[in-house]
Amino acid sequence: MFICNENHTMRLRFLVIAMLAVTAPVRGAPADQSFGIWRNPKDSVHVRVEPCGTRMCGVVVWANEKAKADARRGGTDPLIGSQLFRDFTADKPGIWRGKVFVPDIGRTFSGTIRVIDVNTIVGSGCLIGRVGCKSQQWTRLQK
């Protein structure tokens, strides 16, 4: 037989409220504008940018035939499913730093992703230090 006293009831209520608070999404908190599906300037590759634990990553979800062939020549096959953005951490609001994998040459470089607005991010990276730097503006694909 289970006997419920006031102290037990209060602990049970507290436990239920605590569980709901942990599992419920935060309402009113702005979503990170860097997450979503993005296309590169030539619209040859689409990358899904998403949280990976406490970090951010980007995985190829679509690529045209030329991009797939270029990646194969660089030693990456298949291109679809490859993680191009790796171990990105938030440096400050709207700016992420991590590693960028370039499948055409099979190499990884340090990079930065900067959120310009809800539909635009700019990815930048350099070979070593500030040598051989490049930037690309990526556009969000609408759902």
C-alpha atoms as a PDB file:
ATOM      1  CA  MET A   1       0.000   0.000   0.000  1.00  0.00           C
ATOM      2  CA  PHE A   2       1.348   3.432  -1.001  1.00  0.00           C
ATOM      3  CA  ILE A   3       0.898   6.277   1.458  1.00  0.00           C
ATOM      4  CA  CYS A   4       1.288   9.749   0.020  1.00  0.00           C
ATOM      5  CA  ASN A   5       2.168  12.525   2.415  1.00  0.00           C
ATOM      6  CA  GLU A   6       2.528  16.248   1.719  1.00  0.00           C
ATOM      7  CA  ASN A   7       6.341  16.090   1.688  1.00  0.00           C
ATOM      8  CA  HIS A   8       6.320  13.282  -0.900  1.00  0.00           C
ATOM      9  CA  THR A   9       3.804  15.167  -3.070  1.00  0.00           C
ATOM     10  CA  MET A  10       5.961  18.313  -3.034  1.00  0.00           C
ATOM     11  CA  ARG A  11       9.070  16.336  -4.052  1.00  0.00           C
ATOM     12  CA  LEU A  12       7.141  14.658  -6.863  1.00  0.00           C
ATOM     13  CA  ARG A  13       5.864  18.014  -8.168  1.00  0.00           C
ATOM     14  CA  PHE A  14       9.363  19.466  -8.010  1.00  0.00           C
ATOM     15  CA  LEU A  15      10.753  16.471  -9.927  1.00  0.00           C
ATOM     16  CA  VAL A  16       8.109  16.759 -12.676  1.00  0.00           C
ATOM     17  CA  ILE A  17       8.665  20.528 -13.039  1.00  0.00           C
ATOM     18  CA  ALA A  18      12.444  20.045 -13.161  1.00  0.00           C
ATOM     19  CA  MET A  19      12.113  17.346 -15.856  1.00  0.00           C
ATOM     20  CA  LEU A  20       9.865  19.566 -17.960  1.00  0.00           C
ATOM     21  CA  ALA A  21      12.249  22.484 -17.629  1.00  0.00           C
ATOM     22  CA  VAL A  22      15.177  20.383 -18.846  1.00  0.00           C
ATOM     23  CA  THR A  23      13.376  18.770 -21.770  1.00  0.00           C
ATOM     24  CA  ALA A  24      11.195  21.642 -22.989  1.00  0.00           C
ATOM     25  CA  PRO A  25      12.570  23.893 -25.736  1.00  0.00           C
ATOM     26  CA  VAL A  26      13.275  27.440 -24.714  1.00  0.00           C
ATOM     27  CA  ARG A  27      10.510  29.620 -26.100  1.00  0.00           C
ATOM     28  CA  GLY A  28      11.408  33.055 -27.330  1.00  0.00           C
ATOM     29  CA  ALA A  29      15.143  32.261 -27.609  1.00  0.00           C
ATOM     30  CA  PRO A  30      16.446  33.151 -31.064  1.00  0.00           C
ATOM     31  CA  ALA A  31      17.566  30.198 -33.175  1.00  0.00           C
ATOM     32  CA  ASP A  32      21.169  30.294 -34.324  1.00  0.00           C
ATOM     33  CA  GLN A  33      21.069  31.836 -37.799  1.00  0.00           C
ATOM     34  CA  SER A  34      24.042  29.779 -38.951  1.00  0.00           C
ATOM     35  CA  PHE A  35      22.111  26.504 -38.788  1.00  0.00           C
ATOM     36  CA  GLY A  36      20.282  25.327 -41.912  1.00  0.00           C
ATOM     37  CA  ILE A  37      21.089  24.234 -45.464  1.00  0.00           C
ATOM     38  CA  TRP A  38      23.437  26.486 -47.428  1.00  0.00           C
ATOM     39  CA  ARG A  39      24.615  26.545 -51.058  1.00  0.00           C
ATOM     40  CA  ASN A  40      28.028  27.683 -52.234  1.00  0.00           C
ATOM     41  CA  PRO A  41      28.393  30.551 -54.762  1.00  0.00           C
ATOM     42  CA  LYS A  42      28.352  28.217 -57.805  1.00  0.00           C
ATOM     43  CA  ASP A  43      25.375  26.239 -56.403  1.00  0.00           C
ATOM     44  CA  SER A  44      27.449  23.098 -56.889  1.00  0.00           C
ATOM     45  CA  VAL A  45      27.382  21.969 -53.236  1.00  0.00           C
ATOM     46  CA  HIS A  46      24.716  22.149 -50.505  1.00  0.00           C
ATOM     47  CA  VAL A  47      25.791  21.770 -46.880  1.00  0.00           C
ATOM     48  CA  ARG A  48      23.580  21.180 -43.840  1.00  0.00           C
ATOM     49  CA  VAL A  49      25.016  23.202 -40.945  1.00  0.00           C
ATOM     50  CA  GLU A  50      23.880  21.875 -37.582  1.00  0.00           C
ATOM     51  CA  PRO A  51      24.866  21.514 -33.945  1.00  0.00           C
ATOM     52  CA  CYS A  52      27.242  18.641 -33.201  1.00  0.00           C
ATOM     53  CA  GLY A  53      27.173  18.445 -29.431  1.00  0.00           C
ATOM     54  CA  THR A  54      28.488  21.787 -28.192  1.00  0.00           C
ATOM     55  CA  ARG A  55      30.067  22.517 -31.569  1.00  0.00           C
ATOM     56  CA  MET A  56      28.840  23.146 -35.096  1.00  0.00           C
ATOM     57  CA  CYS A  57      29.487  21.032 -38.182  1.00  0.00           C
ATOM     58  CA  GLY A  58      28.465  21.035 -41.827  1.00  0.00           C
ATOM     59  CA  VAL A  59      27.752  17.935 -43.926  1.00  0.00           C
ATOM     60  CA  VAL A  60      27.322  17.773 -47.711  1.00  0.00           C
ATOM     61  CA  VAL A  61      23.712  16.853 -48.523  1.00  0.00           C
ATOM     62  CA  TRP A  62      23.802  17.485 -52.291  1.00  0.00           C
ATOM     63  CA  ALA A  63      26.446  18.065 -54.960  1.00  0.00           C
ATOM     64  CA  ASN A  64      26.402  18.331 -58.734  1.00  0.00           C
ATOM     65  CA  GLU A  65      28.334  15.854 -60.882  1.00  0.00           C
ATOM     66  CA  LYS A  66      31.306  18.209 -61.451  1.00  0.00           C
ATOM     67  CA  ALA A  67      31.739  18.749 -57.685  1.00  0.00           C
ATOM     68  CA  LYS A  68      31.570  14.987 -57.107  1.00  0.00           C
ATOM     69  CA  ALA A  69      34.198  14.367 -59.818  1.00  0.00           C
ATOM     70  CA  ASP A  70      36.474  17.114 -58.412  1.00  0.00           C
ATOM     71  CA  ALA A  71      36.183  15.575 -54.930  1.00  0.00           C
ATOM     72  CA  ARG A  72      36.997  12.089 -56.306  1.00  0.00           C
ATOM     73  CA  ARG A  73      40.139  13.488 -57.958  1.00  0.00           C
ATOM     74  CA  GLY A  74      41.086  14.962 -54.555  1.00  0.00           C
ATOM     75  CA  GLY A  75      40.604  11.583 -52.858  1.00  0.00           C
ATOM     76  CA  THR A  76      37.123  12.138 -51.383  1.00  0.00           C
ATOM     77  CA  ASP A  77      34.509   9.632 -52.474  1.00  0.00           C
ATOM     78  CA  PRO A  78      31.670   9.895 -51.800  1.00  0.00           C
ATOM     79  CA  LEU A  79      31.286  13.655 -51.446  1.00  0.00           C
ATOM     80  CA  ILE A  80      27.688  13.378 -50.196  1.00  0.00           C
ATOM     81  CA  GLY A  81      27.892  12.814 -46.440  1.00  0.00           C
ATOM     82  CA  SER A  82      31.370  14.319 -46.109  1.00  0.00           C
ATOM     83  CA  GLN A  83      31.815  16.724 -43.217  1.00  0.00           C
ATOM     84  CA  LEU A  84      33.206  19.983 -44.645  1.00  0.00           C
ATOM     85  CA  PHE A  85      32.859  22.102 -41.495  1.00  0.00           C
ATOM     86  CA  ARG A  86      34.435  20.424 -38.466  1.00  0.00           C
ATOM     87  CA  ASP A  87      34.709  21.288 -34.786  1.00  0.00           C
ATOM     88  CA  PHE A  88      33.456  24.860 -35.130  1.00  0.00           C
ATOM     89  CA  THR A  89      33.040  26.710 -31.847  1.00  0.00           C
ATOM     90  CA  ALA A  90      31.250  30.000 -31.286  1.00  0.00           C
ATOM     91  CA  ASP A  91      33.885  32.722 -30.981  1.00  0.00           C
ATOM     92  CA  LYS A  92      31.265  35.419 -30.398  1.00  0.00           C
ATOM     93  CA  PRO A  93      27.685  35.893 -31.606  1.00  0.00           C
ATOM     94  CA  GLY A  94      27.546  35.213 -35.345  1.00  0.00           C
ATOM     95  CA  ILE A  95      31.187  34.129 -35.649  1.00  0.00           C
ATOM     96  CA  TRP A  96      32.356  30.496 -35.596  1.00  0.00           C
ATOM     97  CA  ARG A  97      35.941  29.187 -35.806  1.00  0.00           C
ATOM     98  CA  GLY A  98      36.978  25.670 -36.701  1.00  0.00           C
ATOM     99  CA  LYS A  99      38.348  23.475 -39.483  1.00  0.00           C
ATOM    100  CA  VAL A 100      37.240  23.430 -43.125  1.00  0.00           C
ATOM    101  CA  PHE A 101      37.810  20.329 -45.232  1.00  0.00           C
ATOM    102  CA  VAL A 102      38.411  21.026 -48.944  1.00  0.00           C
ATOM    103  CA  PRO A 103      37.521  17.792 -50.758  1.00  0.00           C
ATOM    104  CA  ASP A 104      39.019  18.874 -54.118  1.00  0.00           C
ATOM    105  CA  ILE A 105      42.509  18.716 -52.605  1.00  0.00           C
ATOM    106  CA  GLY A 106      41.819  16.439 -49.623  1.00  0.00           C
ATOM    107  CA  ARG A 107      43.131  18.931 -47.052  1.00  0.00           C
ATOM    108  CA  THR A 108      41.790  20.626 -43.926  1.00  0.00           C
ATOM    109  CA  PHE A 109      42.412  24.262 -43.001  1.00  0.00           C
ATOM    110  CA  SER A 110      41.503  26.624 -40.186  1.00  0.00           C
ATOM    111  CA  GLY A 111      38.435  28.646 -41.026  1.00  0.00           C
ATOM    112  CA  THR A 112      35.845  31.127 -39.888  1.00  0.00           C
ATOM    113  CA  ILE A 113      32.133  31.325 -40.608  1.00  0.00           C
ATOM    114  CA  ARG A 114      30.553  34.728 -40.140  1.00  0.00           C
ATOM    115  CA  VAL A 115      26.774  35.225 -40.187  1.00  0.00           C
ATOM    116  CA  ILE A 116      25.943  38.273 -42.308  1.00  0.00           C
ATOM    117  CA  ASP A 117      22.167  37.972 -42.094  1.00  0.00           C
ATOM    118  CA  VAL A 118      19.501  35.261 -41.909  1.00  0.00           C
ATOM    119  CA  ASN A 119      20.191  34.233 -45.549  1.00  0.00           C
ATOM    120  CA  THR A 120      23.943  34.854 -45.887  1.00  0.00           C
ATOM    121  CA  ILE A 121      27.102  33.479 -44.299  1.00  0.00           C
ATOM    122  CA  VAL A 122      30.712  34.047 -45.330  1.00  0.00           C
ATOM    123  CA  GLY A 123      33.251  31.278 -44.945  1.00  0.00           C
ATOM    124  CA  SER A 124      36.928  32.276 -44.832  1.00  0.00           C
ATOM    125  CA  GLY A 125      40.126  30.310 -44.515  1.00  0.00           C
ATOM    126  CA  CYS A 126      43.879  30.553 -45.018  1.00  0.00           C
ATOM    127  CA  LEU A 127      46.523  27.970 -45.881  1.00  0.00           C
ATOM    128  CA  ILE A 128      49.008  29.004 -43.166  1.00  0.00           C
ATOM    129  CA  GLY A 129      48.668  32.120 -41.060  1.00  0.00           C
ATOM    130  CA  ARG A 130      47.334  34.802 -43.384  1.00  0.00           C
ATOM    131  CA  VAL A 131      48.760  33.290 -46.608  1.00  0.00           C
ATOM    132  CA  GLY A 132      46.561  31.963 -49.425  1.00  0.00           C
ATOM    133  CA  CYS A 133      43.325  33.249 -47.909  1.00  0.00           C
ATOM    134  CA  LYS A 134      39.948  32.824 -49.598  1.00  0.00           C
ATOM    135  CA  SER A 135      36.367  33.707 -48.742  1.00  0.00           C
ATOM    136  CA  GLN A 136      33.051  32.446 -50.079  1.00  0.00           C
ATOM    137  CA  GLN A 137      29.584  33.813 -49.579  1.00  0.00           C
ATOM    138  CA  TRP A 138      27.030  31.046 -48.995  1.00  0.00           C
ATOM    139  CA  THR A 139      23.265  31.486 -49.386  1.00  0.00           C
ATOM    140  CA  ARG A 140      20.581  29.798 -47.323  1.00  0.00           C
ATOM    141  CA  LEU A 141      18.300  27.406 -49.186  1.00  0.00           C
ATOM    142  CA  GLN A 142      14.677  28.045 -48.331  1.00  0.00           C
ATOM    143  CA  LYS A 143      12.675  25.095 -47.059  1.00  0.00           C
END
